[in-house]
Structures are given as structure tokens and as C-alpha cells.
Protein backbone atom coordinates (compact mmCIF):
# COMPACT_ATOMS: atom_id res chain seq x y z
CA UNK A 1 96.41 116.48 -41.74
CA UNK A 2 92.50 115.01 -42.41
CA UNK A 3 90.69 115.01 -38.96
CA UNK A 4 90.34 111.50 -37.21
CA UNK A 5 86.90 111.24 -35.68
CA UNK A 6 86.82 108.81 -32.72
CA UNK A 7 83.36 107.50 -31.08
CA UNK A 8 84.98 106.67 -27.47
CA UNK A 9 83.57 105.88 -24.06
CA UNK A 10 83.10 102.19 -25.10
CA UNK A 11 85.21 101.52 -22.07
CA UNK A 12 87.15 105.12 -21.63
CA UNK A 13 90.17 102.79 -20.24
CA UNK A 14 90.61 101.89 -24.07
CA UNK A 15 89.86 105.14 -25.63
CA UNK A 16 92.52 106.51 -23.45
CA UNK A 17 94.99 103.64 -25.83
CA UNK A 18 93.58 104.67 -28.84
CA UNK A 19 94.41 108.47 -27.93
CA UNK A 20 97.86 108.00 -27.29
CA UNK A 21 98.51 105.86 -30.01
CA UNK A 22 97.07 107.45 -32.61
CA UNK A 23 99.23 110.76 -31.46
CA UNK A 24 101.87 109.14 -31.02
CA UNK A 25 102.39 107.68 -34.42
CA UNK A 26 101.57 111.09 -35.66
CA UNK A 27 104.65 112.29 -33.73
CA UNK A 28 106.87 109.22 -34.96
CA UNK A 29 105.96 110.02 -38.44
CA UNK A 30 105.99 113.76 -38.30
CA UNK A 31 108.69 114.40 -35.75
CA UNK A 32 109.08 117.46 -33.65
CA UNK A 33 106.02 118.15 -31.23
CA UNK A 34 103.42 117.50 -34.40
CA UNK A 35 100.18 115.62 -33.09
CA UNK A 36 97.01 114.32 -34.48
CA UNK A 37 93.49 116.26 -35.56
CA UNK A 38 91.36 114.26 -33.46
CA UNK A 39 87.66 115.00 -32.52
CA UNK A 40 86.66 112.72 -29.99
CA UNK A 41 83.08 111.95 -28.71
CA UNK A 42 83.09 109.67 -25.75
CA UNK A 43 79.54 108.26 -25.14
CA UNK A 44 78.45 107.25 -21.46
CA UNK A 45 79.17 103.33 -21.66
CA UNK A 46 76.44 101.94 -19.19
CA UNK A 47 73.61 103.24 -21.64
CA UNK A 48 75.43 101.41 -24.29
CA UNK A 49 76.15 98.00 -22.34
CA UNK A 50 71.94 98.40 -21.67
CA UNK A 51 71.44 98.18 -24.72
CA UNK A 52 73.75 95.45 -25.45
CA UNK A 53 72.20 93.51 -22.62
CA UNK A 54 68.89 93.38 -24.12
CA UNK A 55 69.39 92.96 -27.16
CA UNK A 56 68.44 96.19 -28.67
CA UNK A 57 71.17 96.07 -31.73
CA UNK A 58 69.04 98.51 -33.52
CA UNK A 59 68.80 101.41 -30.94
CA UNK A 60 72.32 101.11 -30.39
CA UNK A 61 73.09 102.03 -34.07
CA UNK A 62 70.99 104.54 -33.82
CA UNK A 63 72.95 106.15 -31.25
CA UNK A 64 76.25 105.29 -32.76
CA UNK A 65 74.71 106.62 -36.07
CA UNK A 66 73.87 109.83 -34.32
CA UNK A 67 77.35 110.35 -32.75
CA UNK A 68 78.97 109.69 -36.00
CA UNK A 69 76.85 112.21 -37.96
CA UNK A 70 78.25 114.75 -35.15
CA UNK A 71 81.65 113.91 -35.75
CA UNK A 72 81.08 114.49 -39.20
CA UNK A 73 79.14 117.71 -39.04
CA UNK A 74 82.11 118.78 -36.84
CA UNK A 75 84.78 118.49 -39.48
CA UNK A 76 85.85 114.72 -39.22
CA UNK A 77 87.24 113.45 -42.40
CA UNK A 78 86.39 109.80 -41.24
CA UNK A 79 85.19 107.96 -38.23
CA UNK A 80 86.44 105.26 -35.76
CA UNK A 81 84.27 102.88 -33.38
CA UNK A 82 86.61 102.49 -30.72
CA UNK A 83 85.06 99.14 -30.00
CA UNK A 84 85.21 95.63 -32.11
CA UNK A 85 82.09 94.58 -30.03
CA UNK A 86 79.99 97.97 -31.71
CA UNK A 87 81.18 97.16 -35.19
CA UNK A 88 77.87 94.33 -35.13
CA UNK A 89 75.93 97.86 -36.38
CA UNK A 90 79.18 99.20 -38.26
CA UNK A 91 77.11 99.12 -41.64
CA UNK A 92 74.21 101.10 -39.98
CA UNK A 93 76.87 103.79 -39.07
CA UNK A 94 78.61 103.77 -42.42
CA UNK A 95 75.33 104.37 -43.89
CA UNK A 96 74.47 107.49 -41.93
CA UNK A 97 77.34 109.45 -43.15
CA UNK A 98 79.42 110.38 -46.14
CA UNK A 99 82.90 110.31 -44.73
CA UNK A 100 84.78 106.78 -44.52
CA UNK A 101 84.39 104.57 -41.46
CA UNK A 102 87.22 102.53 -41.22
CA UNK A 103 86.88 98.96 -40.34
CA UNK A 104 88.35 97.42 -37.28
CA UNK A 105 87.79 93.92 -38.30
CA UNK A 106 88.63 94.75 -41.88
CA UNK A 107 92.06 96.20 -40.49
CA UNK A 108 92.74 93.20 -38.18
CA UNK A 109 91.85 90.92 -41.46
CA UNK A 110 94.53 92.76 -43.68
CA UNK A 111 97.13 92.61 -41.22
CA UNK A 112 96.72 88.79 -40.19
CA UNK A 113 96.19 88.45 -44.25
CA UNK A 114 99.82 89.73 -44.75
CA UNK A 115 101.23 87.84 -42.14
CA UNK A 116 100.02 84.61 -43.81
CA UNK A 117 97.58 84.06 -40.83
CA UNK A 118 94.51 81.82 -41.44
CA UNK A 119 93.21 80.03 -38.68
CA UNK A 120 93.10 82.65 -35.33
CA UNK A 121 91.78 82.67 -31.86
CA UNK A 122 89.34 85.49 -31.10
CA UNK A 123 89.51 86.65 -27.48
CA UNK A 124 86.74 89.18 -27.27
CA UNK A 125 83.36 90.19 -25.45
CA UNK A 126 80.60 87.35 -25.57
CA UNK A 127 78.80 89.50 -28.57
CA UNK A 128 82.30 89.81 -30.64
CA UNK A 129 82.75 85.70 -30.13
CA UNK A 130 79.44 84.56 -30.55
CA UNK A 131 76.69 86.97 -32.95
CA UNK A 132 78.81 85.85 -35.96
CA UNK A 133 79.24 89.40 -37.45
CA UNK A 134 83.09 89.06 -36.86
CA UNK A 135 84.14 85.51 -37.95
CA UNK A 136 81.60 86.27 -41.02
CA UNK A 137 83.45 89.51 -42.07
CA UNK A 138 86.90 87.46 -41.51
CA UNK A 139 85.83 84.84 -43.30
CA UNK A 140 85.90 87.08 -46.42
CA UNK A 141 88.97 87.41 -45.94
CA UNK A 142 89.90 83.56 -45.97
CA UNK A 143 90.53 83.73 -42.43
CA UNK A 144 88.53 81.12 -39.98
CA UNK A 145 88.42 82.34 -36.81
CA UNK A 146 88.17 80.25 -33.53
CA UNK A 147 86.39 81.08 -30.16
CA UNK A 148 87.60 79.47 -26.95
CA UNK A 149 84.99 77.07 -25.39
CA UNK A 150 81.95 78.19 -23.59
CA UNK A 151 83.31 77.93 -20.13
CA UNK A 152 86.63 79.95 -21.15
CA UNK A 153 84.13 82.81 -23.28
CA UNK A 154 82.40 83.37 -20.05
CA UNK A 155 86.03 84.02 -18.25
CA UNK A 156 87.18 86.28 -21.22
CA UNK A 157 83.68 88.42 -21.30
CA UNK A 158 84.53 88.58 -17.41
CA UNK A 159 87.64 89.62 -17.50
CA UNK A 160 86.98 92.40 -19.80
CA UNK A 161 83.51 93.98 -18.28
CA UNK A 162 84.05 93.13 -14.70
CA UNK A 163 87.87 93.98 -14.61
CA UNK A 164 89.50 95.91 -17.59
CA UNK A 165 86.62 98.48 -18.37
CA UNK A 166 86.36 99.14 -14.74
CA UNK A 167 90.26 99.97 -14.95
CA UNK A 168 91.52 96.44 -12.88
CA UNK A 169 94.23 94.38 -14.04
CA UNK A 170 94.92 91.12 -12.20
CA UNK A 171 98.26 88.64 -13.13
CA UNK A 172 95.49 85.75 -12.02
CA UNK A 173 93.40 86.71 -15.02
CA UNK A 174 96.29 87.14 -17.29
CA UNK A 175 97.52 83.55 -16.29
CA UNK A 176 93.74 82.50 -17.06
CA UNK A 177 94.11 84.25 -20.62
CA UNK A 178 97.24 82.54 -21.51
CA UNK A 179 95.75 79.26 -20.40
CA UNK A 180 93.28 79.58 -22.89
CA UNK A 181 95.66 80.79 -25.49
CA UNK A 182 97.24 77.35 -24.74
CA UNK A 183 94.05 75.16 -25.10
CA UNK A 184 93.61 77.29 -28.55
CA UNK A 185 97.49 76.20 -30.03
CA UNK A 186 97.12 72.79 -28.97
CA UNK A 187 93.69 72.72 -31.26
CA UNK A 188 95.79 74.44 -34.20
CA UNK A 189 95.00 78.09 -33.74
CA UNK A 190 98.29 79.85 -35.58
CA UNK A 191 97.60 83.50 -33.99
CA UNK A 192 95.80 85.18 -31.49
CA UNK A 193 93.54 88.29 -32.20
CA UNK A 194 93.14 90.61 -29.28
CA UNK A 195 89.76 91.68 -30.54
CA UNK A 196 88.49 93.51 -27.41
CA UNK A 197 90.02 96.94 -27.22
CA UNK A 198 90.63 96.58 -23.67
CA UNK A 199 92.47 93.17 -24.23
CA UNK A 200 95.76 95.20 -24.58
CA UNK A 201 95.81 96.17 -21.55
CA UNK A 202 96.58 92.79 -19.77
CA UNK A 203 97.89 90.94 -22.86
CA UNK A 204 101.19 92.05 -24.86
CA UNK A 205 100.90 90.63 -28.44
CA UNK A 206 104.49 90.14 -28.64
CA UNK A 207 104.83 88.40 -25.44
CA UNK A 208 102.34 84.98 -26.55
CA UNK A 209 103.02 81.50 -27.28
CA UNK A 210 101.30 82.39 -30.73
CA UNK A 211 101.62 85.49 -32.85
CA UNK A 212 99.47 88.19 -31.28
CA UNK A 213 97.34 90.72 -33.40
CA UNK A 214 96.58 94.19 -31.03
CA UNK A 215 93.45 95.39 -32.65
CA UNK A 216 93.35 98.48 -30.89
CA UNK A 217 97.28 99.25 -32.08
CA UNK A 218 96.31 98.12 -35.79
CA UNK A 219 93.21 100.46 -35.62
CA UNK A 220 94.90 103.15 -34.72
CA UNK A 221 97.10 103.11 -36.98
CA UNK A 222 95.17 102.99 -39.73
CA UNK A 223 93.60 105.90 -38.75
CA UNK A 224 96.66 107.69 -38.98
CA UNK A 225 97.68 106.07 -42.68
CA UNK A 226 94.23 107.67 -43.49
CA UNK A 227 94.93 111.09 -41.73
CA UNK A 228 98.54 111.58 -43.33
CA UNK A 229 98.34 109.33 -46.83
CA UNK A 230 95.03 109.30 -47.37
CA UNK A 231 94.35 105.31 -47.56
CA UNK A 232 94.36 102.59 -44.70
CA UNK A 233 96.02 99.19 -46.09
CA UNK A 234 92.44 97.36 -45.75
CA UNK A 235 90.76 99.98 -48.33
CA UNK A 236 93.96 99.70 -50.39
CA UNK A 237 93.81 96.12 -50.61
CA UNK A 238 90.22 96.38 -51.62
CA UNK A 239 90.54 98.81 -54.49
CA UNK A 240 93.41 96.92 -55.95
């Protein structure tokens, strides 16, 4: 079994979901009391948020690259950045290490491509929805990403940072997110990307009015595929 390196803590609420999902998947595959070989470096999220808010993405990239190198040195055979937003610096992190960085955007795009999705709504942090890196990478898979209107982007961002990252899940916010999805459906969206690793804490991808793709679950599944089989679906697709 290959060792999975997780860059977590962004936030620790979703990192706990990663840890559970990865271990549950390994136990399901192998049976008995099997669990995953995992190395987790959990960063101080406030330090990362401060860099995000200041637009200091180069410094954020250096910080995560240092963590990734540490995981590799400790024996990790792959690395995952356990947050969608920080994939804005994924290329810099990959360049700093000699093991694969399993990219959450690629894996999510591959899952949607297999399902015939072409115009999904992205629910994520403001950075992920607005910086372009996510939509640009998805476009390489033939997927046209939709984002909510400005007011709704603020709503989604605030639910993530002010509530979910702090461990608070409110029914009123769940209803507001469902309303955002309803607007997108009326505008032609054919699916919903839970494009923040905390959104699975408030939205069930199987209980939406559009097909839901939980990036956290997809990413965790890809890590297990690499650990047990040596490849992920997205990597296999590129190789083909």
C-alpha cells in the first residue's frame, strides 16, 4: 500500500472528513481492520487565510511547497492539497516535489466527464469562483463552469468561512444554498460542484435538484485508488 500525504488544516473540519473517507474506502476495499497509510500535516489555517486575504499567493505557494517536501521526505508516495482554493498554487507545489500531486480539479472534472456533464454550477470560496484557475482547468476537459451572481458568491463565501470552517451548520444557510442552485438550474446548469471541501458538511450531493459532485469525496477516492492501484482515473485518462 502506498502512503498518502495530506496537506490539511484548511480547514481542519474538512481534513477530518478526508481522513474518515480515505480510511473507510481502504477498509471497504481490503476488509477486516485495514486502514490507510496516511501522513497528515495540518497547517495553521489562519496563517493561510491571512495570505489569501492579502493576495500573497506566492508566499502561500512557498508555504505549501515546504509542507509537501516534508511529506515526501517522510515517505509519502503522493500528496493531496485538502482544499480547492489552494489548488490556485497546485502547479508550484507539484514542481517542488518528485511524487504525484493528485489534483482535485482534474479528478472532479474526470468524474463529471464520465457522467456527461458539461455546464456545472461551482459552489466554492470567492477565490475559487473568481480567480479563473478552476474554470480554466475545467475548460481543458470540455467543461464550462458556471458561478453564482455576485451577491450569491458573497453568500456562499460567507457560509464557508464564517460558518462551516468554524464548525457551524445552519439550516437557513442550507436553504439559501439550495436557492442559489435553483437559480443556476433555471439558467441551464446541468450539475453542481461542491467545490469547497467544507460544503459537503451542509449539502448532500445526492439530495439536490441537480446531480451533485462532492469534490472532497472524489479527491479522497482518487487518493485511495493511487494507494491501492497505483493510478487515479484522471491520470489514467491522461495516459490514454
